[in-house]
Amino acid sequence: MKETDKIILMICLCTGAFMNLLDTTIVNVSIPHIAGSFGVATSDGTWVITSYAVSEAILLPLIGWLSSRIGIIKQYLCATVIFALISALCGISPNFETMLFFRVLQGVVGASMIPLSQTLMTALYPPEKRSFPLGIWSMTVVFAPIVGPILGGWITDNLNWRWAFYINLPLGIVSTYIAHLIYKKYDINDKTSKTSVDKWGIIFLALGVGSLQIMLDKGNEYNWFSNMTIVVLALSAFVFLIIMVIWEWDNNNPVVNVRLFLRRNFLVGSFCLFAAVAVIYAMVIVLPLWLQEYMGYTAFKSGLTLFYQALPVLFFAPILGKYGSKIDARKAMSLGFLIMGLVAIFISYPPNASQGYISYTRFLFGFGMALFFVPANILALSGIPQDKVADASGIFNFMRNMGISFGTALSVNYWDNKVSFFHSELASSINSSNPNFSSYMSTLPGTYQDKLAIINQEVTNQAATMGMNQIFYITGIILICIIPFIFIAKSTIKK
C-alpha cells in the first residue's frame, strides 16, 4: 500500500476512534440538559451514560472473538456506520426510554471502534514499525476526551444538546466511505474463522462485567455498600468474573483470551494503563466539577482550562511514535509517571486560583501523559502476533474503560466525603469568641443571616478545594509507587 494511502487510512481510522470518545465526553457535559428536556431528574439522566458504558464494557473483551468470525475490516466499517446512524437516532429520540434503548445499541456497536481502529492501524506496518501508528492512535485517544468538554460546552450553550449526537453522522459516513474505497482499491480481504460459540463464556462475561459497571456507575448515588443493591452487584461481579476466567482458561475457543496475561509485557502494560487512567480520571473528573461548582466557570471555560494538558500529547505522541522502536518503553513510562506524580503532589490550588495558573499546571501534567500513553501501548502489544492483536486490543481497552470507571467512582465519593469532613473542621473554629471571625463579620454587607450565608459559602469553597488538593496528593503518591512495577516487563528495544 502506498504511504499516502496509509496516511489517509490512518486519518479515517483515527476519526472513528475520535468520534467514539468525543461522543462520550460531550454527552457527560450535556446530561443536565438532556434530563431537563425529557423531564427526568439529573440522577436519572445519568443512565444515558450508564446504559452506554455497560453495553460497551460487556462487548469490549469480546472484540477479538467477534472479529475472527466477522472480519476485522468489515466489523470496524459496519460498526462505525451503524454507530453514526444510531447517534443520529439518539438525537431525535422523542422520550427518555427511547434514548436509553438507542444508547445501549450505540454501546454495543461502538465497542468495536477503538480497539479495531488500533488493530487496523498496527496492521499497516510491520511489527518493528508499530510504534508510529500507535503514536498517532494514542494521540487521538488522549486528545478526544479533553476536547470533548470544550465542544460539548459550546454546543450546549449555543445550540442544543441533540447536536452532540448529530455531529457524528457526517464524520462516521465520510470516514468509513473513504476507508472502504482504500481497502477495496488494494483488494484487502478479511480473514475469518468459524469457531464454535462459547455461550457460557459470553453469559459469565455479561453478568460479571455488567454488574461491575453498574456498581461503579451507581455506587456513589446509592451510598455504596450501605445499599443492598450495590452489595449484590459487587458479589455478582466478583463471582461471575472468577467463574469466567476459570472457564476460559482451558477453553480451546475462548471468547476472551485471558491467557494473554501470561505475557509479561501485556500484563504490565494493561495494569499500568488501568492504574494510570484511574488516577488521571480521578483528577480529570473532580477538577472540572470544582471549577464549575465552586469557581463559577461555565462548561466551556472549564473545558478550555483543561485543554492545555492535551498540548504536550499532541506534540510528543507523533515523535514517540516515530522513534518508539528505539526507546525503551519502560523508561519513557517511568518518566511519565514521575512527572505526573510530582506535579500532582506539589500543586496546591487556592480557592481563588487563576485560570492561568490552573492551565499552567495542567500543561505540565500533560508532559507526563504524553510520555506514558504511547509507550504503554507499545509495551503492551510488543511481541503480540498480528492475529492476536485484536484480542489484545479489546482487553487492553477494556482495562482502560475499567480504569475510567474506577477512577470516576472512587474520586467523586472520596471528594464528597472530604468536603463534608473539612467543612466540619473549618466550621468548628468559627464562633463569636474568635476575634478574627468577629472582625471579618464586621466587614461584610447585609444582615447577620446574610453574613453567615456568605461565610458558609466561603467555608464550603475552602473545604471543596482542600478535598480536591488531597485527591491530587494521593494520586501523585500512587503514580510514583507504580514505577518499580513497570520494570517487571521486558525491554522493548530489540537487540
Protein backbone atom coordinates (compact mmCIF):
# COMPACT_ATOMS: atom_id res chain seq x y z
CA MET A 1 0.00 0.00 0.00
CA LYS A 2 1.29 3.49 -0.88
CA GLU A 3 2.40 5.62 2.05
CA THR A 4 -0.11 8.36 1.15
CA ASP A 5 -2.95 5.84 1.25
CA LYS A 6 -1.70 4.57 4.61
CA ILE A 7 -1.78 8.11 6.00
CA ILE A 8 -5.30 8.74 4.64
CA LEU A 9 -6.46 5.41 6.05
CA MET A 10 -4.96 6.22 9.45
CA ILE A 11 -6.80 9.56 9.44
CA CYS A 12 -10.07 7.73 8.72
CA LEU A 13 -9.43 5.16 11.46
CA CYS A 14 -8.47 7.87 13.95
CA THR A 15 -11.64 9.75 13.04
CA GLY A 16 -13.70 6.73 14.08
CA ALA A 17 -11.91 6.41 17.42
CA PHE A 18 -12.05 10.19 17.93
CA MET A 19 -15.78 10.25 17.20
CA ASN A 20 -16.45 7.46 19.68
CA LEU A 21 -14.52 9.04 22.56
CA LEU A 22 -15.74 12.54 21.73
CA ASP A 23 -19.34 11.34 21.93
CA THR A 24 -18.85 10.05 25.48
CA THR A 25 -17.35 13.24 26.91
CA ILE A 26 -19.77 15.54 25.06
CA VAL A 27 -22.71 13.62 26.49
CA ASN A 28 -21.27 13.84 30.01
CA VAL A 29 -21.36 17.64 29.82
CA SER A 30 -24.90 17.63 28.40
CA ILE A 31 -26.58 15.35 31.00
CA PRO A 32 -28.40 18.14 32.94
CA HIS A 33 -29.83 19.49 29.68
CA ILE A 34 -30.83 16.03 28.41
CA ALA A 35 -32.55 15.24 31.72
CA GLY A 36 -34.38 18.57 31.70
CA SER A 37 -35.51 18.10 28.10
CA PHE A 38 -37.13 14.75 28.94
CA GLY A 39 -38.49 15.89 32.30
CA VAL A 40 -36.45 13.47 34.43
CA ALA A 41 -34.16 14.08 37.40
CA THR A 42 -30.46 14.62 36.72
CA SER A 43 -29.67 11.47 38.73
CA ASP A 44 -31.92 9.50 36.35
CA GLY A 45 -30.35 11.29 33.41
CA THR A 46 -27.01 9.66 34.23
CA TRP A 47 -28.49 6.40 32.91
CA VAL A 48 -27.71 7.87 29.47
CA ILE A 49 -24.05 7.36 30.43
CA THR A 50 -24.51 4.11 32.36
CA SER A 51 -26.54 2.33 29.65
CA TYR A 52 -23.82 3.06 27.08
CA ALA A 53 -20.96 2.21 29.45
CA VAL A 54 -22.42 -1.16 30.49
CA SER A 55 -23.12 -2.40 26.95
CA GLU A 56 -19.71 -1.20 25.73
CA ALA A 57 -17.88 -2.76 28.70
CA ILE A 58 -19.52 -6.15 28.09
CA LEU A 59 -18.63 -6.14 24.39
CA LEU A 60 -15.03 -4.88 24.64
CA PRO A 61 -13.43 -8.18 25.78
CA LEU A 62 -15.36 -9.98 23.01
CA ILE A 63 -13.92 -7.88 20.19
CA GLY A 64 -11.14 -10.32 19.27
CA TRP A 65 -13.55 -13.26 19.14
CA LEU A 66 -16.16 -11.33 17.12
CA SER A 67 -13.63 -10.00 14.61
CA SER A 68 -12.29 -13.51 13.98
CA ARG A 69 -15.80 -14.55 12.90
CA ILE A 70 -16.90 -11.39 11.08
CA GLY A 71 -13.59 -9.99 9.84
CA ILE A 72 -11.75 -7.02 11.34
CA ILE A 73 -12.24 -4.64 8.41
CA LYS A 74 -15.89 -5.50 7.88
CA GLN A 75 -16.66 -5.29 11.60
CA TYR A 76 -14.96 -1.91 12.01
CA LEU A 77 -16.56 -0.30 8.94
CA CYS A 78 -20.03 -1.61 9.78
CA ALA A 79 -19.68 -0.60 13.44
CA THR A 80 -18.64 2.95 12.53
CA VAL A 81 -21.53 3.49 10.10
CA ILE A 82 -24.10 1.98 12.46
CA PHE A 83 -22.68 3.98 15.39
CA ALA A 84 -23.13 7.20 13.41
CA LEU A 85 -26.69 6.30 12.40
CA ILE A 86 -27.69 5.31 15.94
CA SER A 87 -26.10 8.51 17.22
CA ALA A 88 -28.46 10.47 14.97
CA LEU A 89 -31.37 8.39 16.30
CA CYS A 90 -30.32 9.32 19.84
CA GLY A 91 -30.54 12.95 18.77
CA ILE A 92 -34.13 12.64 17.54
CA SER A 93 -35.32 10.48 20.45
CA PRO A 94 -38.84 11.62 21.44
CA ASN A 95 -38.61 10.35 25.03
CA PHE A 96 -36.15 9.16 27.66
CA GLU A 97 -36.90 5.44 27.25
CA THR A 98 -36.17 5.59 23.51
CA MET A 99 -32.94 7.45 24.20
CA LEU A 100 -31.78 4.72 26.63
CA PHE A 101 -32.62 1.99 24.09
CA PHE A 102 -30.52 3.66 21.39
CA ARG A 103 -27.68 4.33 23.85
CA VAL A 104 -27.49 0.60 24.67
CA LEU A 105 -27.30 -0.18 20.94
CA GLN A 106 -24.71 2.54 20.48
CA GLY A 107 -22.54 0.97 23.17
CA VAL A 108 -22.87 -2.47 21.58
CA VAL A 109 -21.67 -1.33 18.15
CA GLY A 110 -19.30 1.38 19.43
CA ALA A 111 -17.27 -1.08 21.49
CA SER A 112 -15.52 -2.28 18.32
CA MET A 113 -14.38 1.08 17.08
CA ILE A 114 -11.49 1.94 19.40
CA PRO A 115 -9.74 -1.46 19.68
CA LEU A 116 -10.24 -2.33 16.00
CA SER A 117 -9.01 1.07 14.82
CA GLN A 118 -5.87 0.33 16.84
CA THR A 119 -5.61 -3.18 15.35
CA LEU A 120 -6.08 -1.98 11.77
CA MET A 121 -3.52 0.80 12.19
CA THR A 122 -0.86 -1.59 13.51
CA ALA A 123 -1.60 -3.93 10.59
CA LEU A 124 -0.48 -1.22 8.14
CA TYR A 125 3.14 -1.58 9.24
CA PRO A 126 5.46 -4.48 10.16
CA PRO A 127 5.91 -5.21 13.90
CA GLU A 128 9.19 -3.30 14.13
CA LYS A 129 7.40 -0.13 12.89
CA ARG A 130 4.24 -0.47 15.00
CA SER A 131 5.25 2.41 17.24
CA PHE A 132 4.43 5.01 14.54
CA PRO A 133 0.72 4.16 14.11
CA LEU A 134 0.43 3.55 17.87
CA GLY A 135 1.76 7.06 18.49
CA ILE A 136 -0.84 8.62 16.19
CA TRP A 137 -3.60 6.45 17.66
CA SER A 138 -2.60 7.27 21.26
CA MET A 139 -2.62 10.99 20.46
CA THR A 140 -6.20 10.64 19.24
CA VAL A 141 -7.35 8.63 22.26
CA VAL A 142 -5.88 11.16 24.71
CA PHE A 143 -6.94 14.28 22.79
CA ALA A 144 -10.61 13.38 22.20
CA PRO A 145 -11.74 13.18 25.86
CA ILE A 146 -10.06 16.53 26.55
CA VAL A 147 -11.56 18.42 23.62
CA GLY A 148 -14.96 16.79 24.28
CA PRO A 149 -15.98 19.02 27.22
CA ILE A 150 -14.98 22.14 25.26
CA LEU A 151 -17.08 21.18 22.25
CA GLY A 152 -19.84 19.83 24.48
CA GLY A 153 -19.95 23.03 26.49
CA TRP A 154 -20.10 25.15 23.34
CA ILE A 155 -22.84 23.00 21.77
CA THR A 156 -24.87 23.01 24.99
CA ASP A 157 -24.53 26.78 25.46
CA ASN A 158 -25.06 27.84 21.83
CA LEU A 159 -27.04 25.13 20.01
CA ASN A 160 -28.91 22.20 21.53
CA TRP A 161 -27.77 19.01 23.26
CA ARG A 162 -29.16 16.99 20.32
CA TRP A 163 -26.36 18.34 18.12
CA ALA A 164 -23.90 16.47 20.33
CA PHE A 165 -25.26 13.35 18.61
CA TYR A 166 -25.92 14.77 15.14
CA ILE A 167 -22.27 15.72 14.53
CA ASN A 168 -21.30 12.03 14.44
CA LEU A 169 -23.33 11.34 11.30
CA PRO A 170 -21.17 13.14 8.68
CA LEU A 171 -17.92 12.15 10.44
CA GLY A 172 -18.85 8.47 10.51
CA ILE A 173 -20.25 8.22 6.99
CA VAL A 174 -17.44 10.12 5.23
CA SER A 175 -14.53 8.46 7.09
CA THR A 176 -16.00 4.98 6.58
CA TYR A 177 -16.62 5.54 2.87
CA ILE A 178 -13.04 6.72 2.26
CA ALA A 179 -11.60 3.80 4.26
CA HIS A 180 -13.79 1.37 2.30
CA LEU A 181 -12.50 2.76 -1.01
CA ILE A 182 -8.86 2.33 0.05
CA TYR A 183 -9.36 -1.25 1.25
CA LYS A 184 -11.25 -2.01 -1.97
CA LYS A 185 -8.51 -0.41 -4.08
CA TYR A 186 -5.92 -2.85 -2.71
CA ASP A 187 -8.35 -5.77 -2.59
CA ILE A 188 -7.55 -6.41 1.08
CA ASN A 189 -9.73 -9.24 2.36
CA ASP A 190 -10.64 -10.17 5.90
CA LYS A 191 -9.52 -13.45 7.41
CA THR A 192 -12.32 -15.22 9.25
CA SER A 193 -12.65 -18.47 11.14
CA LYS A 194 -15.87 -20.24 12.07
CA THR A 195 -15.26 -21.37 15.62
CA SER A 196 -17.90 -22.70 17.96
CA VAL A 197 -19.79 -20.17 20.07
CA ASP A 198 -18.73 -20.20 23.72
CA LYS A 199 -22.19 -19.37 25.08
CA TRP A 200 -21.30 -19.85 28.74
CA GLY A 201 -18.25 -17.62 28.40
CA ILE A 202 -20.43 -14.84 26.97
CA ILE A 203 -23.03 -15.28 29.74
CA PHE A 204 -20.45 -15.21 32.56
CA LEU A 205 -18.76 -12.18 30.99
CA ALA A 206 -22.01 -10.26 30.54
CA LEU A 207 -23.17 -10.92 34.11
CA GLY A 208 -19.77 -10.15 35.66
CA VAL A 209 -18.86 -7.04 33.68
CA GLY A 210 -22.44 -5.74 33.62
CA SER A 211 -22.71 -6.00 37.42
CA LEU A 212 -19.30 -4.36 37.89
CA GLN A 213 -20.04 -1.44 35.57
CA ILE A 214 -23.47 -0.71 37.09
CA MET A 215 -21.97 -0.91 40.59
CA LEU A 216 -19.26 1.62 39.69
CA ASP A 217 -21.65 3.97 37.89
CA LYS A 218 -24.34 3.95 40.58
CA GLY A 219 -22.33 3.24 43.75
CA ASN A 220 -21.97 6.86 44.84
CA GLU A 221 -25.62 7.61 44.12
CA TYR A 222 -26.78 4.62 46.20
CA ASN A 223 -24.30 5.28 49.05
CA TRP A 224 -22.12 2.32 48.16
CA PHE A 225 -22.10 -0.76 50.39
CA SER A 226 -24.71 0.55 52.80
CA ASN A 227 -27.16 -0.26 50.00
CA MET A 228 -28.02 -3.93 49.42
CA THR A 229 -28.28 -3.44 45.64
CA ILE A 230 -24.62 -2.40 45.46
CA VAL A 231 -23.60 -5.32 47.70
CA VAL A 232 -25.39 -7.80 45.42
CA LEU A 233 -23.84 -6.22 42.32
CA ALA A 234 -20.34 -6.40 43.86
CA LEU A 235 -20.74 -10.07 44.81
CA SER A 236 -22.19 -10.89 41.37
CA ALA A 237 -19.29 -9.16 39.62
CA PHE A 238 -16.70 -10.98 41.72
CA VAL A 239 -18.27 -14.44 41.40
CA PHE A 240 -19.09 -14.33 37.69
CA LEU A 241 -15.74 -12.83 36.65
CA ILE A 242 -13.85 -15.51 38.60
CA ILE A 243 -16.01 -18.20 37.00
CA MET A 244 -15.44 -16.62 33.57
CA VAL A 245 -11.63 -16.67 33.97
CA ILE A 246 -11.66 -20.31 35.14
CA TRP A 247 -14.00 -21.30 32.30
CA GLU A 248 -11.99 -19.51 29.61
CA TRP A 249 -8.53 -20.57 30.79
CA ASP A 250 -8.57 -24.04 29.24
CA ASN A 251 -11.15 -23.31 26.54
CA ASN A 252 -9.91 -24.04 23.02
CA ASN A 253 -12.12 -21.27 21.56
CA PRO A 254 -12.43 -18.66 24.32
CA VAL A 255 -14.48 -15.51 23.81
CA VAL A 256 -11.88 -13.72 25.96
CA ASN A 257 -8.26 -14.80 25.56
CA VAL A 258 -7.32 -14.48 29.24
CA ARG A 259 -4.05 -16.34 28.59
CA LEU A 260 -2.68 -13.14 27.06
CA PHE A 261 -2.00 -12.05 30.64
CA LEU A 262 0.70 -14.73 30.77
CA ARG A 263 2.69 -12.39 28.52
CA ARG A 264 4.66 -10.26 30.95
CA ASN A 265 4.65 -7.06 28.87
CA PHE A 266 0.94 -7.27 28.18
CA LEU A 267 0.21 -7.81 31.89
CA VAL A 268 2.37 -4.88 32.99
CA GLY A 269 1.13 -2.59 30.21
CA SER A 270 -2.52 -3.37 30.96
CA PHE A 271 -2.10 -2.94 34.72
CA CYS A 272 -0.23 0.36 34.30
CA LEU A 273 -2.86 1.64 31.88
CA PHE A 274 -5.65 0.73 34.33
CA ALA A 275 -3.88 2.37 37.28
CA ALA A 276 -2.79 5.48 35.37
CA VAL A 277 -6.18 6.07 33.76
CA ALA A 278 -7.90 5.57 37.15
CA VAL A 279 -5.81 8.23 38.89
CA ILE A 280 -5.76 10.59 35.89
CA TYR A 281 -9.54 10.46 35.63
CA ALA A 282 -9.80 10.97 39.38
CA MET A 283 -8.28 14.39 38.69
CA VAL A 284 -9.95 14.97 35.32
CA ILE A 285 -13.42 14.37 36.83
CA VAL A 286 -13.01 16.33 40.08
CA LEU A 287 -11.22 19.38 38.65
CA PRO A 288 -13.97 20.48 36.21
CA LEU A 289 -16.60 19.85 38.91
CA TRP A 290 -14.67 22.15 41.23
CA LEU A 291 -14.25 24.77 38.51
CA GLN A 292 -17.95 24.80 37.64
CA GLU A 293 -19.50 24.37 41.11
CA TYR A 294 -17.13 26.48 43.22
CA MET A 295 -15.22 28.74 40.84
CA GLY A 296 -18.20 29.77 38.70
CA TYR A 297 -16.75 28.52 35.39
CA THR A 298 -19.03 27.59 32.50
CA ALA A 299 -18.69 24.11 30.97
CA PHE A 300 -16.91 25.69 28.00
CA LYS A 301 -14.46 27.68 30.15
CA SER A 302 -13.59 24.70 32.35
CA GLY A 303 -13.03 22.54 29.27
CA LEU A 304 -10.78 25.22 27.78
CA THR A 305 -8.76 25.34 31.01
CA LEU A 306 -8.17 21.59 30.92
CA PHE A 307 -7.34 21.67 27.21
CA TYR A 308 -3.75 22.74 27.90
CA GLN A 309 -2.82 19.29 29.20
CA ALA A 310 -3.51 17.94 25.70
CA LEU A 311 -0.92 20.18 24.01
CA PRO A 312 2.19 18.19 25.06
CA VAL A 313 0.41 15.00 23.95
CA LEU A 314 -0.25 16.47 20.50
CA PHE A 315 3.41 17.42 20.18
CA PHE A 316 5.16 14.38 21.67
CA ALA A 317 2.89 11.48 20.63
CA PRO A 318 3.93 11.53 16.93
CA ILE A 319 7.61 11.88 17.93
CA LEU A 320 7.40 8.98 20.38
CA GLY A 321 5.58 7.01 17.71
CA LYS A 322 8.27 7.66 15.12
CA TYR A 323 11.19 6.80 17.41
CA GLY A 324 9.34 4.40 19.71
CA SER A 325 11.21 1.33 18.49
CA LYS A 326 14.49 2.94 19.59
CA ILE A 327 13.25 3.92 23.06
CA ASP A 328 12.80 1.57 25.99
CA ALA A 329 9.08 1.93 26.70
CA ARG A 330 9.66 1.13 30.38
CA LYS A 331 11.94 4.15 30.88
CA ALA A 332 9.61 6.51 29.00
CA MET A 333 6.62 5.28 31.04
CA SER A 334 8.57 5.69 34.29
CA LEU A 335 9.50 9.26 33.40
CA GLY A 336 5.87 9.95 32.52
CA PHE A 337 4.66 8.54 35.84
CA LEU A 338 7.32 10.55 37.70
CA ILE A 339 6.33 13.85 36.05
CA MET A 340 2.60 13.27 36.60
CA GLY A 341 3.23 12.18 40.19
CA LEU A 342 5.42 15.17 41.10
CA VAL A 343 3.03 17.67 39.52
CA ALA A 344 0.07 16.09 41.33
CA ILE A 345 1.90 16.11 44.68
CA PHE A 346 3.31 19.63 44.60
CA ILE A 347 0.47 21.61 43.04
CA SER A 348 -1.96 23.02 45.57
CA TYR A 349 -4.77 25.19 44.26
CA PRO A 350 -6.02 28.03 46.46
CA PRO A 351 -9.79 28.75 46.42
CA ASN A 352 -9.12 31.81 44.23
CA ALA A 353 -6.66 30.15 41.81
CA SER A 354 -6.38 31.98 38.50
CA GLN A 355 -7.27 30.32 35.22
CA GLY A 356 -3.70 30.91 34.03
CA TYR A 357 -2.18 29.05 36.99
CA ILE A 358 -4.55 26.10 36.62
CA SER A 359 -3.87 25.90 32.87
CA TYR A 360 -0.11 26.05 33.50
CA THR A 361 -0.20 23.11 35.96
CA ARG A 362 -2.34 21.06 33.56
CA PHE A 363 0.18 21.81 30.80
CA LEU A 364 2.99 20.41 32.98
CA PHE A 365 0.89 17.35 33.80
CA GLY A 366 0.35 16.84 30.08
CA PHE A 367 4.08 16.17 29.57
CA GLY A 368 3.77 13.14 31.82
CA MET A 369 0.67 11.95 29.96
CA ALA A 370 2.49 12.22 26.64
CA LEU A 371 5.43 10.16 27.91
CA PHE A 372 3.15 7.47 29.32
CA PHE A 373 0.35 6.70 26.85
CA VAL A 374 2.30 5.93 23.68
CA PRO A 375 4.95 3.74 25.39
CA ALA A 376 2.21 1.91 27.35
CA ASN A 377 0.60 0.86 24.08
CA ILE A 378 3.96 -0.15 22.63
CA LEU A 379 4.83 -2.16 25.75
CA ALA A 380 1.50 -4.00 25.95
CA LEU A 381 1.46 -5.00 22.27
CA SER A 382 5.16 -5.84 21.99
CA GLY A 383 5.60 -9.45 21.00
CA ILE A 384 1.88 -9.99 20.32
CA PRO A 385 1.38 -11.82 16.98
CA GLN A 386 -0.71 -9.84 14.48
CA ASP A 387 -3.50 -12.44 14.57
CA LYS A 388 -3.81 -11.87 18.35
CA VAL A 389 -3.67 -8.07 18.26
CA ALA A 390 -7.47 -7.73 18.07
CA ASP A 391 -7.82 -9.92 21.18
CA ALA A 392 -5.13 -7.94 22.99
CA SER A 393 -6.51 -4.58 21.91
CA GLY A 394 -10.02 -5.45 23.08
CA ILE A 395 -8.79 -6.49 26.54
CA PHE A 396 -6.34 -3.56 26.73
CA ASN A 397 -9.10 -1.04 26.01
CA PHE A 398 -11.40 -2.85 28.43
CA MET A 399 -8.78 -2.20 31.12
CA ARG A 400 -8.74 1.47 30.08
CA ASN A 401 -12.52 1.66 30.43
CA MET A 402 -12.43 -0.03 33.83
CA GLY A 403 -9.76 2.43 34.95
CA ILE A 404 -12.01 5.33 33.94
CA SER A 405 -14.97 3.81 35.82
CA PHE A 406 -12.96 3.09 38.98
CA GLY A 407 -11.27 6.49 38.97
CA THR A 408 -14.54 8.35 38.43
CA ALA A 409 -16.50 6.42 41.07
CA LEU A 410 -13.86 6.48 43.80
CA SER A 411 -12.77 10.10 43.32
CA VAL A 412 -16.28 11.57 43.42
CA ASN A 413 -17.15 9.53 46.52
CA TYR A 414 -13.89 10.45 48.27
CA TRP A 415 -14.26 14.12 47.36
CA ASP A 416 -17.84 14.29 48.70
CA ASN A 417 -16.71 12.76 52.00
CA LYS A 418 -13.72 15.07 52.30
CA VAL A 419 -15.80 18.18 51.56
CA SER A 420 -18.08 17.25 54.48
CA PHE A 421 -15.10 16.47 56.73
CA PHE A 422 -13.17 19.66 56.00
CA HIS A 423 -16.34 21.76 56.23
CA SER A 424 -16.93 20.46 59.77
CA GLU A 425 -13.29 21.06 60.70
CA LEU A 426 -13.29 24.63 59.42
CA ALA A 427 -16.73 25.48 60.79
CA SER A 428 -15.72 24.35 64.29
CA SER A 429 -13.26 27.26 64.53
CA ILE A 430 -15.87 29.84 63.55
CA ASN A 431 -17.61 31.32 66.59
CA SER A 432 -18.21 34.67 68.24
CA SER A 433 -15.28 34.17 70.65
CA ASN A 434 -12.86 34.13 67.71
CA PRO A 435 -11.62 37.74 67.25
CA ASN A 436 -10.76 37.15 63.58
CA PHE A 437 -14.29 35.94 62.93
CA SER A 438 -15.85 38.97 64.64
CA SER A 439 -13.54 41.34 62.79
CA TYR A 440 -14.31 39.75 59.41
CA MET A 441 -18.07 39.74 60.08
CA SER A 442 -17.98 43.50 60.56
CA THR A 443 -16.64 44.00 57.03
CA LEU A 444 -19.45 42.04 55.33
CA PRO A 445 -22.60 43.68 53.94
CA GLY A 446 -26.21 42.76 54.78
CA THR A 447 -27.97 41.35 57.80
CA TYR A 448 -26.44 38.92 60.28
CA GLN A 449 -28.01 35.99 58.41
CA ASP A 450 -26.68 37.30 55.10
CA LYS A 451 -23.19 37.48 56.59
CA LEU A 452 -23.43 33.92 57.90
CA ALA A 453 -24.53 32.72 54.46
CA ILE A 454 -21.51 34.40 52.86
CA ILE A 455 -19.13 32.84 55.38
CA ASN A 456 -20.74 29.42 54.97
CA GLN A 457 -20.22 29.62 51.21
CA GLU A 458 -16.58 30.59 51.69
CA VAL A 459 -16.06 27.69 54.11
CA THR A 460 -17.69 25.29 51.62
CA ASN A 461 -15.44 26.56 48.83
CA GLN A 462 -12.36 26.15 51.03
CA ALA A 463 -13.44 22.62 52.05
CA ALA A 464 -14.01 21.62 48.41
CA THR A 465 -10.59 22.97 47.44
CA MET A 466 -8.85 21.15 50.30
CA GLY A 467 -10.61 17.90 49.38
CA MET A 468 -9.57 18.23 45.74
CA ASN A 469 -5.95 19.01 46.65
CA GLN A 470 -5.86 15.92 48.85
CA ILE A 471 -7.06 13.78 45.93
CA PHE A 472 -4.26 15.20 43.80
CA TYR A 473 -1.69 14.43 46.51
CA ILE A 474 -2.86 10.82 46.92
CA THR A 475 -2.94 10.18 43.17
CA GLY A 476 0.58 11.57 42.86
CA ILE A 477 1.85 9.14 45.50
CA ILE A 478 0.13 6.23 43.73
CA LEU A 479 1.66 7.16 40.36
CA ILE A 480 5.19 7.23 41.78
CA CYS A 481 4.67 3.96 43.68
CA ILE A 482 3.77 2.19 40.41
CA ILE A 483 7.14 2.98 38.80
CA PRO A 484 9.07 -0.06 40.17
CA PHE A 485 6.36 -2.41 38.89
CA ILE A 486 6.99 -1.20 35.31
CA PHE A 487 10.44 -2.80 35.25
CA ILE A 488 8.97 -6.27 35.69
CA ALA A 489 8.35 -6.03 31.95
CA LYS A 490 10.99 -6.83 29.36
CA SER A 491 12.75 -4.12 27.39
CA THR A 492 11.02 -3.21 24.12
CA ILE A 493 14.32 -2.46 22.38
CA LYS A 494 15.25 -5.30 20.04
CA LYS A 495 18.91 -6.25 20.35
